Protein backbone atom coordinates (compact mmCIF):
# COMPACT_ATOMS: atom_id res chain seq x y z
CA UNK A 1 16.71 -8.83 -22.54
CA UNK A 2 17.52 -5.64 -21.30
CA UNK A 3 20.61 -4.05 -22.63
CA UNK A 4 21.56 -0.29 -24.16
CA UNK A 5 22.34 0.67 -27.66
CA UNK A 6 25.05 2.61 -29.13
CA UNK A 7 23.60 6.21 -27.29
CA UNK A 8 23.70 4.06 -24.17
CA UNK A 9 19.56 4.23 -23.75
CA UNK A 10 18.42 0.98 -22.30
CA UNK A 11 16.63 -1.33 -24.80
CA UNK A 12 14.73 -4.55 -24.56
CA UNK A 13 15.58 -7.17 -27.25
CA UNK A 14 12.13 -8.61 -28.58
CA UNK A 15 13.35 -10.81 -31.28
CA UNK A 16 16.08 -10.71 -33.90
CA UNK A 17 17.18 -7.68 -34.93
CA UNK A 18 13.82 -5.56 -33.04
CA UNK A 19 14.38 -3.59 -30.52
CA UNK A 20 12.06 -1.45 -27.99
CA UNK A 21 13.31 1.32 -26.08
CA UNK A 22 12.75 1.03 -22.20
CA UNK A 23 10.35 4.39 -21.55
CA UNK A 24 11.15 5.99 -18.24
CA UNK A 25 9.15 4.97 -15.05
CA UNK A 26 8.31 8.73 -14.44
CA UNK A 27 7.02 11.10 -15.20
CA UNK A 28 3.63 9.98 -16.32
CA UNK A 29 2.19 11.78 -19.38
CA UNK A 30 -1.38 12.22 -20.66
CA UNK A 31 -1.76 13.29 -24.23
CA UNK A 32 -5.31 14.54 -25.28
CA UNK A 33 -6.60 14.39 -28.81
CA UNK A 34 -2.94 14.45 -30.22
CA UNK A 35 -2.50 12.49 -33.21
CA UNK A 36 -0.46 9.07 -34.13
CA UNK A 37 2.96 11.24 -35.03
CA UNK A 38 3.49 12.93 -31.87
CA UNK A 39 2.43 10.24 -29.64
CA UNK A 40 4.90 7.37 -31.47
CA UNK A 41 7.50 10.85 -30.96
CA UNK A 42 6.97 10.58 -27.37
CA UNK A 43 7.16 7.40 -26.69
CA UNK A 44 10.27 7.26 -28.73
CA UNK A 45 11.70 9.82 -26.36
CA UNK A 46 11.49 7.30 -23.90
CA UNK A 47 8.27 8.76 -21.85
CA UNK A 48 5.64 6.86 -20.42
CA UNK A 49 2.40 8.36 -22.39
CA UNK A 50 -1.28 7.60 -22.21
CA UNK A 51 -2.64 8.22 -25.52
CA UNK A 52 -6.14 9.80 -23.84
CA UNK A 53 -8.47 11.73 -25.29
CA UNK A 54 -11.44 14.18 -24.53
CA UNK A 55 -13.58 12.69 -26.73
CA UNK A 56 -14.77 13.62 -30.06
CA UNK A 57 -18.05 15.71 -31.30
CA UNK A 58 -21.15 13.19 -32.27
CA UNK A 59 -23.42 13.90 -35.19
CA UNK A 60 -27.71 13.35 -34.51
CA UNK A 61 -28.67 10.90 -36.09
CA UNK A 62 -30.23 12.04 -39.74
CA UNK A 63 -33.65 9.87 -39.36
CA UNK A 64 -34.06 12.04 -35.87
CA UNK A 65 -33.54 15.77 -36.89
CA UNK A 66 -36.34 16.75 -35.42
CA UNK A 67 -36.75 14.63 -32.45
CA UNK A 68 -34.71 14.07 -29.40
CA UNK A 69 -31.73 12.25 -29.05
CA UNK A 70 -29.93 11.02 -26.08
CA UNK A 71 -26.08 11.01 -25.60
CA UNK A 72 -22.87 10.22 -23.16
CA UNK A 73 -19.55 11.73 -22.89
CA UNK A 74 -17.40 9.47 -25.01
CA UNK A 75 -13.84 10.95 -22.85
CA UNK A 76 -11.11 8.47 -22.38
CA UNK A 77 -7.90 8.80 -19.75
CA UNK A 78 -6.53 6.16 -16.99
CA UNK A 79 -8.28 4.98 -14.20
CA UNK A 80 -5.29 6.42 -12.12
CA UNK A 81 -4.63 9.57 -13.95
CA UNK A 82 -4.61 11.44 -10.36
CA UNK A 83 -1.00 9.33 -9.98
CA UNK A 84 -0.08 11.39 -13.51
CA UNK A 85 2.32 14.05 -13.63
CA UNK A 86 2.06 15.65 -17.18
CA UNK A 87 -1.24 16.71 -19.02
CA UNK A 88 -1.18 18.52 -22.42
CA UNK A 89 -4.16 18.84 -24.17
CA UNK A 90 -4.74 19.45 -27.93
CA UNK A 91 -7.74 21.95 -28.04
CA UNK A 92 -8.23 21.73 -31.66
CA UNK A 93 -11.45 20.69 -33.10
CA UNK A 94 -11.18 16.90 -33.37
CA UNK A 95 -12.71 14.56 -36.23
CA UNK A 96 -16.84 14.27 -35.60
CA UNK A 97 -18.48 10.88 -35.24
CA UNK A 98 -21.36 9.32 -36.56
CA UNK A 99 -23.90 8.19 -33.82
CA UNK A 100 -23.81 4.99 -33.19
CA UNK A 101 -27.18 3.87 -30.47
CA UNK A 102 -24.84 1.47 -28.70
CA UNK A 103 -22.06 3.72 -27.75
CA UNK A 104 -24.76 5.98 -26.14
CA UNK A 105 -26.13 3.20 -23.65
CA UNK A 106 -25.22 2.59 -20.30
CA UNK A 107 -24.29 -0.92 -19.69
CA UNK A 108 -24.34 -0.93 -16.08
CA UNK A 109 -27.45 1.31 -14.85
CA UNK A 110 -27.39 0.94 -11.30
CA UNK A 111 -30.60 3.16 -10.33
CA UNK A 112 -33.33 4.25 -12.66
CA UNK A 113 -32.10 7.78 -12.67
CA UNK A 114 -28.49 7.89 -14.57
CA UNK A 115 -28.09 10.92 -16.33
CA UNK A 116 -28.21 11.37 -19.85
CA UNK A 117 -27.63 14.25 -22.08
CA UNK A 118 -29.90 15.46 -24.71
CA UNK A 119 -30.24 17.73 -28.06
CA UNK A 120 -32.79 18.99 -29.79
CA UNK A 121 -33.42 20.06 -33.25
CA UNK A 122 -32.29 22.57 -34.71
CA UNK A 123 -28.98 21.37 -33.22
CA UNK A 124 -27.01 18.71 -35.12
CA UNK A 125 -23.95 17.71 -33.08
CA UNK A 126 -23.27 16.70 -29.41
CA UNK A 127 -19.58 18.25 -27.93
CA UNK A 128 -19.36 16.84 -24.58
CA UNK A 129 -15.41 17.92 -24.62
CA UNK A 130 -16.44 21.05 -22.28
CA UNK A 131 -18.11 19.32 -19.67
CA UNK A 132 -15.28 16.06 -19.92
CA UNK A 133 -12.77 19.04 -19.10
CA UNK A 134 -14.54 19.89 -16.12
CA UNK A 135 -14.60 15.99 -15.07
CA UNK A 136 -10.72 15.77 -15.65
CA UNK A 137 -10.10 19.37 -13.93
CA UNK A 138 -11.75 17.92 -11.00
CA UNK A 139 -9.72 14.57 -11.18
CA UNK A 140 -6.54 16.81 -11.37
CA UNK A 141 -7.92 18.34 -8.17
CA UNK A 142 -7.57 14.90 -6.24
CA UNK A 143 -3.57 15.86 -7.02
CA UNK A 144 -2.76 16.98 -3.56
CA UNK A 145 0.83 18.04 -2.17
CA UNK A 146 2.60 17.00 -5.24
CA UNK A 147 3.95 18.81 -8.26
CA UNK A 148 2.24 18.16 -11.73
CA UNK A 149 1.95 20.02 -15.10
CA UNK A 150 -0.57 21.31 -17.51
CA UNK A 151 0.14 22.13 -21.15
CA UNK A 152 -2.55 23.16 -23.43
CA UNK A 153 -2.33 23.84 -27.34
CA UNK A 154 -5.23 26.57 -27.22
CA UNK A 155 -8.02 27.24 -29.55
CA UNK A 156 -10.72 29.80 -29.87
CA UNK A 157 -13.23 29.67 -26.79
CA UNK A 158 -16.31 28.16 -27.28
CA UNK A 159 -19.48 27.94 -24.71
CA UNK A 160 -21.47 24.78 -24.63
CA UNK A 161 -24.93 24.58 -23.11
CA UNK A 162 -26.30 21.03 -21.89
CA UNK A 163 -29.51 19.51 -20.59
CA UNK A 164 -29.32 16.72 -18.72
CA UNK A 165 -32.86 14.15 -18.00
CA UNK A 166 -32.30 11.81 -15.07
CA UNK A 167 -32.95 8.63 -17.36
CA UNK A 168 -33.81 7.41 -20.68
CA UNK A 169 -37.08 5.93 -19.70
CA UNK A 170 -37.52 9.60 -18.66
CA UNK A 171 -39.61 11.83 -21.20
CA UNK A 172 -37.30 15.37 -20.99
CA UNK A 173 -37.82 17.87 -18.10
CA UNK A 174 -36.34 21.29 -18.39
CA UNK A 175 -36.28 21.26 -14.97
CA UNK A 176 -34.30 18.02 -14.47
CA UNK A 177 -30.75 19.52 -14.81
CA UNK A 178 -28.80 21.77 -17.08
CA UNK A 179 -24.54 23.09 -16.90
CA UNK A 180 -22.84 25.41 -19.24
CA UNK A 181 -19.09 24.90 -19.87
CA UNK A 182 -16.29 26.15 -22.24
CA UNK A 183 -13.55 24.16 -23.82
CA UNK A 184 -10.89 25.75 -21.79
CA UNK A 185 -12.46 24.20 -18.51
CA UNK A 186 -9.86 21.77 -17.72
CA UNK A 187 -8.05 24.88 -16.97
CA UNK A 188 -10.10 26.40 -14.36
CA UNK A 189 -8.82 30.55 -15.32
CA UNK A 190 -7.38 30.45 -18.84
CA UNK A 191 -7.19 34.30 -18.45
CA UNK A 192 -9.42 34.12 -22.16
CA UNK A 193 -9.47 37.55 -23.38
CA UNK A 194 -10.65 37.09 -27.00
CA UNK A 195 -11.30 34.81 -29.77
CA UNK A 196 -8.88 36.19 -32.74
CA UNK A 197 -6.61 34.42 -35.19
CA UNK A 198 -3.16 35.19 -37.02
CA UNK A 199 0.38 34.03 -37.67
CA UNK A 200 2.37 36.95 -36.98
CA UNK A 201 3.81 36.66 -33.61
CA UNK A 202 6.94 37.28 -31.53
CA UNK A 203 8.34 35.75 -28.70
CA UNK A 204 8.89 37.79 -25.30
CA UNK A 205 9.81 35.63 -22.70
CA UNK A 206 13.50 36.16 -21.70
CA UNK A 207 14.49 32.62 -20.74
CA UNK A 208 16.98 32.00 -22.86
CA UNK A 209 16.32 27.75 -23.69
CA UNK A 210 12.24 28.48 -23.75
CA UNK A 211 13.00 31.37 -25.84
CA UNK A 212 14.98 29.71 -28.52
CA UNK A 213 12.90 26.77 -28.77
CA UNK A 214 9.58 28.92 -29.04
CA UNK A 215 11.51 30.84 -31.81
CA UNK A 216 12.28 27.99 -33.71
CA UNK A 217 8.77 26.64 -33.51
CA UNK A 218 6.65 30.06 -34.21
CA UNK A 219 6.78 29.28 -38.03
CA UNK A 220 4.48 26.18 -37.06
CA UNK A 221 2.00 28.34 -35.16
CA UNK A 222 -1.35 30.28 -35.51
CA UNK A 223 -2.99 31.49 -32.64
CA UNK A 224 -7.00 31.50 -32.18
CA UNK A 225 -7.37 33.37 -29.30
CA UNK A 226 -5.90 36.39 -26.55
CA UNK A 227 -5.54 36.15 -23.29
CA UNK A 228 -5.39 39.04 -20.09
CA UNK A 229 -2.55 38.86 -17.97
CA UNK A 230 -3.97 38.75 -14.30
CA UNK A 231 -4.07 41.29 -11.76
CA UNK A 232 -3.40 40.68 -7.52
CA UNK A 233 -3.76 43.18 -4.76
CA UNK A 234 -1.14 43.91 -2.73
CA UNK A 235 -0.91 46.01 0.62
CA UNK A 236 -4.14 47.18 -1.08
CA UNK A 237 -2.52 48.00 -4.43
CA UNK A 238 -3.83 45.74 -7.31
CA UNK A 239 -0.65 44.94 -9.67
CA UNK A 240 0.10 42.32 -12.45
CA UNK A 241 0.24 38.60 -10.85
CA UNK A 242 4.38 37.97 -10.92
CA UNK A 243 3.22 34.14 -11.45
CA UNK A 244 1.49 34.78 -14.25
CA UNK A 245 4.72 34.88 -17.26
CA UNK A 246 3.40 35.88 -20.96
CA UNK A 247 5.63 33.66 -23.54
CA UNK A 248 4.87 35.51 -26.65
CA UNK A 249 2.33 38.20 -28.40
CA UNK A 250 1.12 39.10 -31.61
CA UNK A 251 1.56 42.32 -33.43
CA UNK A 252 -0.80 44.18 -31.06
CA UNK A 253 1.26 43.38 -28.39
CA UNK A 254 -1.91 40.82 -26.87
CA UNK A 255 -0.62 37.71 -25.05
CA UNK A 256 -1.13 34.44 -27.33
CA UNK A 257 1.25 32.14 -24.96
CA UNK A 258 1.83 32.43 -20.84
CA UNK A 259 2.46 30.28 -18.40
CA UNK A 260 1.27 30.39 -14.81
CA UNK A 261 2.63 28.98 -11.50
CA UNK A 262 0.32 28.06 -8.71
CA UNK A 263 1.05 26.20 -5.56
CA UNK A 264 1.51 22.64 -6.97
CA UNK A 265 1.00 23.51 -10.40
CA UNK A 266 2.50 24.79 -13.68
CA UNK A 267 0.60 25.41 -16.88
CA UNK A 268 1.56 26.21 -20.24
CA UNK A 269 -0.69 27.53 -22.75
CA UNK A 270 0.66 27.89 -26.12
CA UNK A 271 -0.81 28.94 -30.07
CA UNK A 272 -1.95 26.06 -31.94
CA UNK A 273 0.86 24.50 -34.33
CA UNK A 274 0.79 21.82 -36.74
CA UNK A 275 3.62 19.00 -35.79
CA UNK A 276 3.45 19.51 -32.00
CA UNK A 277 6.14 16.73 -30.91
CA UNK A 278 8.99 19.62 -32.10
CA UNK A 279 7.74 21.63 -29.33
CA UNK A 280 6.80 19.07 -26.87
CA UNK A 281 9.63 16.91 -26.90
CA UNK A 282 12.15 19.46 -26.39
CA UNK A 283 10.00 21.25 -24.19
CA UNK A 284 9.57 17.67 -22.04
CA UNK A 285 14.00 16.71 -22.56
CA UNK A 286 15.63 19.86 -22.10
CA UNK A 287 13.58 22.63 -20.29
CA UNK A 288 10.71 21.02 -18.31
CA UNK A 289 13.31 19.21 -16.41
CA UNK A 290 15.19 22.26 -15.55
CA UNK A 291 12.11 23.93 -14.27
CA UNK A 292 10.65 21.37 -12.27
CA UNK A 293 13.27 18.26 -11.91
CA UNK A 294 11.56 16.49 -9.27
CA UNK A 295 9.11 15.56 -11.94
CA UNK A 296 11.69 14.03 -14.18
CA UNK A 297 14.05 11.57 -11.42
CA UNK A 298 15.48 9.94 -14.38
CA UNK A 299 15.83 13.40 -16.63
CA UNK A 300 20.08 13.05 -17.81
CA UNK A 301 19.92 16.82 -18.42
CA UNK A 302 23.37 17.91 -16.96
CA UNK A 303 24.32 14.83 -16.58
CA UNK A 304 27.88 15.71 -18.12
CA UNK A 305 28.25 17.49 -14.06
CA UNK A 306 28.83 13.87 -12.87
CA UNK A 307 31.46 12.98 -15.34
CA UNK A 308 35.18 13.09 -13.52
CA UNK A 309 36.33 15.83 -15.93
CA UNK A 310 33.77 18.54 -14.19
CA UNK A 311 34.04 17.20 -10.53
CA UNK A 312 34.60 19.98 -7.93
CA UNK A 313 36.76 20.28 -4.96
CA UNK A 314 37.06 17.55 -2.82
CA UNK A 315 34.40 15.14 -4.59
CA UNK A 316 36.61 12.36 -5.13
CA UNK A 317 37.73 12.55 -1.81
CA UNK A 318 34.50 12.12 -0.38
CA UNK A 319 33.87 9.57 -2.98
CA UNK A 320 36.94 7.57 -1.40
CA UNK A 321 34.75 7.54 1.39
CA UNK A 322 32.06 6.84 0.75
CA UNK A 323 33.10 3.70 -1.20
CA UNK A 324 35.27 2.63 1.79
CA UNK A 325 32.32 2.70 4.03
CA UNK A 326 30.19 1.06 1.81
CA UNK A 327 32.54 -1.76 1.25
CA UNK A 328 32.81 -1.96 5.60
CA UNK A 329 29.29 -1.82 6.34
CA UNK A 330 29.01 -4.48 2.63
CA UNK A 331 31.15 -6.55 5.06
CA UNK A 332 29.08 -6.07 8.31
CA UNK A 333 25.75 -6.68 6.66
CA UNK A 334 26.94 -10.28 5.04
CA UNK A 335 28.55 -11.26 8.60
CA UNK A 336 24.95 -10.29 9.97
CA UNK A 337 23.10 -12.46 6.95
CA UNK A 338 25.49 -15.17 8.03
CA UNK A 339 24.38 -14.91 11.53
CA UNK A 340 21.02 -15.13 10.40
CA UNK A 341 20.82 -18.02 8.34
CA UNK A 342 23.28 -20.01 11.41
CA UNK A 343 20.20 -18.77 13.52
CA UNK A 344 17.64 -19.96 11.61
CA UNK A 345 19.33 -23.42 11.09
CA UNK A 346 20.08 -23.37 14.68
CA UNK A 347 16.34 -22.45 15.88
CA UNK A 348 14.61 -24.30 12.52
CA UNK A 349 13.36 -27.06 15.03
CA UNK A 350 10.74 -24.38 16.74
CA UNK A 351 9.54 -23.41 13.14
CA UNK A 352 9.01 -26.79 12.32
CA UNK A 353 6.60 -27.09 15.52
CA UNK A 354 4.23 -25.09 13.73
CA UNK A 355 4.20 -26.12 10.53
CA UNK A 356 5.95 -29.87 9.52
CA UNK A 357 4.12 -32.99 9.78
CA UNK A 358 5.05 -36.87 10.01
CA UNK A 359 8.87 -37.76 10.78
CA UNK A 360 9.69 -33.95 10.75
CA UNK A 361 7.64 -33.18 13.50
CA UNK A 362 8.94 -35.57 15.70
CA UNK A 363 12.19 -34.58 14.64
CA UNK A 364 11.39 -31.07 15.95
CA UNK A 365 9.58 -32.44 19.01
CA UNK A 366 12.54 -34.28 20.38
CA UNK A 367 14.71 -31.47 19.37
CA UNK A 368 12.48 -29.34 21.64
CA UNK A 369 12.51 -31.80 24.73
CA UNK A 370 16.19 -31.95 24.57
CA UNK A 371 16.08 -28.04 24.81
CA UNK A 372 13.88 -28.69 28.33
CA UNK A 373 17.05 -31.05 29.63
CA UNK A 374 14.79 -34.51 29.45
CA UNK A 375 17.92 -36.69 29.63
CA UNK A 376 16.66 -40.18 27.68
CA UNK A 377 13.98 -38.93 24.87
CA UNK A 378 13.75 -42.01 22.49
CA UNK A 379 12.07 -41.88 18.93
CA UNK A 380 10.12 -45.15 18.44
CA UNK A 381 10.07 -47.48 15.40
CA UNK A 382 6.70 -47.86 14.10
CA UNK A 383 7.43 -49.89 11.00
CA UNK A 384 5.25 -52.84 12.55
CA UNK A 385 1.67 -52.98 12.21
CA UNK A 386 0.95 -51.67 15.99
CA UNK A 387 0.00 -48.19 16.07
CA UNK A 388 2.96 -46.85 19.14
CA UNK A 389 3.91 -43.71 20.53
CA UNK A 390 5.89 -41.55 18.59
CA UNK A 391 8.09 -40.61 21.29
CA UNK A 392 9.41 -41.49 24.84
CA UNK A 393 10.75 -39.67 27.43
CA UNK A 394 12.17 -42.05 30.13
CA UNK A 395 12.67 -40.70 33.76
CA UNK A 396 14.19 -42.46 36.88
CA UNK A 397 10.31 -42.81 38.18
CA UNK A 398 8.14 -43.20 35.24
CA UNK A 399 7.61 -42.79 31.20
CA UNK A 400 5.95 -39.67 29.00
CA UNK A 401 4.44 -41.18 25.85
CA UNK A 402 4.12 -39.09 23.19
CA UNK A 403 1.83 -39.07 20.09
CA UNK A 404 2.12 -36.26 17.68
CA UNK A 405 0.37 -34.83 14.68
CA UNK A 406 0.43 -32.43 12.15
CA UNK A 407 -2.86 -31.97 10.42
CA UNK A 408 -4.88 -29.69 8.05
CA UNK A 409 -7.78 -28.93 10.04
CA UNK A 410 -8.36 -30.20 14.16
CA UNK A 411 -8.57 -33.46 15.91
CA UNK A 412 -11.37 -36.12 15.99
CA UNK A 413 -12.15 -37.56 19.01
CA UNK A 414 -10.48 -40.94 17.76
CA UNK A 415 -7.25 -39.12 17.20
CA UNK A 416 -7.15 -37.75 20.93
CA UNK A 417 -7.86 -41.11 22.92
CA UNK A 418 -5.69 -43.23 20.53
CA UNK A 419 -2.90 -42.85 23.19
CA UNK A 420 -5.21 -43.92 25.89
CA UNK A 421 -4.94 -47.65 24.34
CA UNK A 422 -0.89 -47.00 24.27
CA UNK A 423 -0.63 -46.07 27.97
CA UNK A 424 -2.55 -49.00 28.43
CA UNK A 425 -0.81 -51.15 26.92
CA UNK A 426 2.72 -49.56 28.28
CA UNK A 427 1.28 -50.06 32.12
CA UNK A 428 0.56 -53.80 31.21
CA UNK A 429 4.50 -53.99 30.03
CA UNK A 430 6.18 -52.21 32.97
CA UNK A 431 3.52 -53.79 35.30
CA UNK A 432 3.26 -49.99 36.85
CA UNK A 433 0.73 -47.19 36.50
CA UNK A 434 3.84 -44.85 36.34
CA UNK A 435 3.12 -44.01 32.50
CA UNK A 436 1.98 -40.05 31.56
CA UNK A 437 0.17 -39.71 28.19
CA UNK A 438 -0.22 -37.13 25.72
CA UNK A 439 -1.12 -36.06 22.70
CA UNK A 440 0.47 -32.67 20.80
CA UNK A 441 -0.90 -31.60 17.49
CA UNK A 442 0.18 -29.49 15.27
CA UNK A 443 -3.31 -28.15 14.00
CA UNK A 444 -4.23 -26.32 11.08
CA UNK A 445 -0.78 -26.24 10.22
CA UNK A 446 -1.55 -24.40 6.82
CA UNK A 447 -2.54 -21.17 8.39
CA UNK A 448 -0.51 -19.06 10.66
CA UNK A 449 -0.56 -20.26 13.97
CA UNK A 450 -2.68 -16.84 15.54
CA UNK A 451 -5.26 -17.26 12.56
CA UNK A 452 -5.98 -21.03 13.72
CA UNK A 453 -8.64 -22.12 16.32
CA UNK A 454 -7.05 -22.33 19.95
CA UNK A 455 -7.47 -24.44 21.75
CA UNK A 456 -8.95 -26.66 18.61
CA UNK A 457 -10.11 -29.34 21.22
CA UNK A 458 -13.91 -29.22 21.95
CA UNK A 459 -15.10 -29.35 25.68
CA UNK A 460 -16.07 -33.32 25.53
CA UNK A 461 -12.62 -34.17 24.28
CA UNK A 462 -11.00 -31.87 27.35
CA UNK A 463 -13.59 -34.25 29.96
CA UNK A 464 -12.27 -37.17 28.31
CA UNK A 465 -8.75 -36.38 28.44
CA UNK A 466 -9.19 -35.54 32.22
CA UNK A 467 -11.21 -38.92 32.91
CA UNK A 468 -8.92 -40.75 31.16
CA UNK A 469 -5.61 -39.08 32.90
CA UNK A 470 -3.45 -37.92 29.45
CA UNK A 471 -3.35 -34.90 28.24
CA UNK A 472 -3.68 -32.37 24.99
CA UNK A 473 -1.38 -30.23 23.75
CA UNK A 474 -0.67 -27.95 20.75
CA UNK A 475 2.92 -27.44 19.18
CA UNK A 476 1.93 -23.46 19.36
CA UNK A 477 1.66 -23.90 22.78
CA UNK A 478 4.83 -25.15 23.22
CA UNK A 479 6.29 -22.74 20.74
CA UNK A 480 4.78 -19.81 22.86
CA UNK A 481 6.71 -21.08 25.81
CA UNK A 482 9.97 -21.03 24.36
CA UNK A 483 9.83 -17.70 24.38
CA UNK A 484 7.99 -17.62 28.26
CA UNK A 485 11.12 -19.43 29.42
CA UNK A 486 13.77 -16.70 27.52
CA UNK A 487 11.52 -14.13 28.85
CA UNK A 488 11.42 -15.12 32.71
CA UNK A 489 7.75 -15.80 32.93
CA UNK A 490 8.45 -19.66 33.57
CA UNK A 491 11.13 -21.97 33.49
CA UNK A 492 12.29 -25.06 31.98
CA UNK A 493 11.00 -27.00 35.34
CA UNK A 494 7.75 -25.68 35.05
CA UNK A 495 7.11 -27.11 31.46
CA UNK A 496 8.48 -30.64 32.21
CA UNK A 497 6.18 -30.44 35.14
CA UNK A 498 3.01 -29.29 33.03
CA UNK A 499 3.42 -31.66 30.21
CA UNK A 500 2.66 -34.54 32.48
CA UNK A 501 -0.93 -32.97 33.75
CA UNK A 502 -4.12 -34.27 32.58
CA UNK A 503 -6.87 -32.75 30.47
CA UNK A 504 -5.75 -29.28 28.51
CA UNK A 505 -2.34 -28.52 28.94
CA UNK A 506 -1.36 -25.07 29.16
CA UNK A 507 2.13 -23.47 30.39
CA UNK A 508 0.18 -20.11 31.33
CA UNK A 509 2.35 -19.62 35.07
CA UNK A 510 1.08 -21.28 38.27
CA UNK A 511 3.45 -19.15 40.30
CA UNK A 512 1.84 -15.88 39.46
CA UNK A 513 -1.40 -14.75 41.05
CA UNK A 514 -4.30 -13.05 39.31
CA UNK A 515 -5.15 -9.17 39.92
CA UNK A 516 -7.54 -8.77 37.04
CA UNK A 517 -8.02 -7.64 33.50
CA UNK A 518 -7.31 -4.07 32.27
CA UNK A 519 -10.36 -1.80 31.84
CA UNK A 520 -8.81 1.31 30.43
CA UNK A 521 -5.55 2.40 29.00
CA UNK A 522 -3.97 5.48 28.81
CA UNK A 523 -0.84 7.41 28.11
CA UNK A 524 -0.20 5.33 25.41
CA UNK A 525 -0.68 2.25 27.63
CA UNK A 526 1.84 3.24 30.24
CA UNK A 527 -1.16 3.72 32.63
CA UNK A 528 -3.36 1.03 33.20
CA UNK A 529 -6.80 1.10 35.22
CA UNK A 530 -7.50 -2.18 37.12
CA UNK A 531 -10.46 -3.30 39.65
CA UNK A 532 -8.81 -5.12 42.51
CA UNK A 533 -10.51 -6.80 45.42
CA UNK A 534 -8.41 -8.16 47.89
CA UNK A 535 -4.83 -8.70 46.30
CA UNK A 536 -2.19 -6.81 47.37
CA UNK A 537 -0.41 -4.59 45.14
CA UNK A 538 2.81 -2.62 45.51
CA UNK A 539 5.35 -0.46 44.11
CA UNK A 540 7.69 -1.60 42.19
CA UNK A 541 6.13 -4.78 41.81
CA UNK A 542 6.61 -6.80 38.74
CA UNK A 543 3.47 -7.72 36.86
CA UNK A 544 3.09 -10.74 34.34
CA UNK A 545 0.93 -9.09 31.25
CA UNK A 546 -1.11 -11.81 29.11
CA UNK A 547 -2.67 -10.17 25.98
CA UNK A 548 -3.84 -13.44 23.64
CA UNK A 549 -1.09 -15.98 23.91
CA UNK A 550 1.90 -13.36 24.22
CA UNK A 551 3.31 -12.26 27.88
CA UNK A 552 5.65 -9.71 29.19
CA UNK A 553 6.95 -8.45 31.96
CA UNK A 554 6.12 -4.43 33.54
CA UNK A 555 7.15 -2.98 36.70
CA UNK A 556 4.65 -0.57 38.77
CA UNK A 557 6.24 3.08 39.09
CA UNK A 558 3.33 4.19 41.01
CA UNK A 559 -0.38 3.64 42.38
CA UNK A 560 -2.62 6.06 42.30
CA UNK A 561 -6.20 5.56 44.51
CA UNK A 562 -8.77 7.84 44.51
CA UNK A 563 -6.34 10.69 43.03
CA UNK A 564 -3.42 10.29 45.54
CA UNK A 565 -0.23 8.47 45.09
CA UNK A 566 -0.01 5.88 47.50
CA UNK A 567 2.77 2.64 48.32
CA UNK A 568 0.24 -0.32 48.06
CA UNK A 569 -3.27 -0.82 46.85
CA UNK A 570 -5.51 -4.02 47.69
CA UNK A 571 -9.20 -2.67 46.37
CA UNK A 572 -11.03 -0.51 44.75
CA UNK A 573 -10.24 1.22 40.97
CA UNK A 574 -6.63 1.55 40.38
CA UNK A 575 -4.31 3.37 38.67
CA UNK A 576 -0.85 1.87 37.75
CA UNK A 577 2.02 3.55 35.83
CA UNK A 578 4.62 1.14 34.46
CA UNK A 579 7.16 1.04 32.53
CA UNK A 580 6.31 -0.24 29.34
CA UNK A 581 3.36 0.25 27.25
CA UNK A 582 0.35 -2.63 26.92
CA UNK A 583 -3.18 -3.07 25.30
CA UNK A 584 -6.77 -3.14 27.14
CA UNK A 585 -8.06 -6.20 28.15
CA UNK A 586 -4.60 -7.67 28.90
CA UNK A 587 -4.51 -10.51 32.05
CA UNK A 588 -2.22 -9.10 34.64
CA UNK A 589 -0.79 -11.58 37.15
CA UNK A 590 1.55 -10.53 40.47
CA UNK A 591 4.56 -11.89 39.81
CA UNK A 592 5.96 -14.40 42.97
CA UNK A 593 8.63 -12.46 45.28
């Protein structure tokens, strides 16, 4: 359970008397090669920290001092490192590891030419951190249009040369590959001047908080390198780069710490120090949030300004207006939510048509038929052992019997034809041939309707239905017909009439005349190309557009034939400007006048 401690910091209770601090969601911080003390301090300060590494040096095995040994890089960082915000690298020499052959074999070698690094006598140590730093720099290059921060605790600059072979099954070939990098490769341009060590230094940055922090920490620092101030050209004159700011100098006025601002990155380079958390935590908590506030959305720095004692003029009145508007809109949202729930309840039968089975499906179909203005709709009782229809619709001059099914797949032949037996029974009972029969199915009901097989009936099932004078229909077709009525494409009478037809029942509008299929769309669907073959179309005509199972109406605003505006056309390739965009391959019908 989440709560807050006495310092108003979010914590989560994980047991009796045990609490863990809830970390900030942002920024995400990568600490490379830091000791456990610094990592725990950052986590206790609520920062989301990944314990990462550029890798460790590895000793050549003792028994192979005069041979060749293959190595792989041993760096470690999160796979989504491009989503992180702050990258802090301790460049101090790390612990050297003993060689373990299993650590330097590729578990998944997808081809014959996977690269390895090779060292030969007299070299006794493989240090891959420089080339890992280059890999890290490439990863950071994937961060585009987003602010991020790189921090380095600098060490002496070291150059490393690497020999690369293509596969462990190949002998070493000096031409198979080589690379040279230094341990500042993760930064790119480090502005390194020379390696020199010392302990005496002075803080030269004018930023008050940063000056105070560095001054309080300099007794823990020792420098191992100096840096030069880069220059840029301004109007043909070379001058100092204003985006480079020295932070600390040694007694010879050499730069030993600096900050460099680039377009979306800011880089800090500090001297080496012990107890790095004493610099890092105040930097993350107090200084960087003021410099790069977007990276620290949850920072409480200057949060006191939000307290009522420090409100600015007009602030109270504006907050009161805001609260009043929030209450007003919340009330309106509640009203809309109530209407949404009422609407869902009122039209639940439409969703039930395409999702339910058994009694719930029958109830939904009866509701639909009542909406169609059928006046005598009867739910049949099927408790006896004789299979009966589910619904009867009684007319003055006849009877419609309907069998409803909701199934996970598609219908068997016996499912489709069962209604014929019931039809013959009803005809004998009535001594009339005025009975119409309909098999209605909610097929593949666990799938979204547009992902189902539509129509779900085979050719011979449709032919048999035509020969037996019975109908085949899906609830998905009924569902769509409802909205066709709402859009004025068809009317209820059209649906009622079609329900009595034979074979595959479709509610496609028969009052419209088919003009053809759209061969091309232009102007984002507002201009369409049709080929006419005798059908007449006029300016201001209303068209019915069908794309899949969706219908809409559009109006012809203009007609072009052979590049000329015309009032009417009946043949050839014509361009139509319409009032609403449609899709390519839509079928076009001319609405009956």
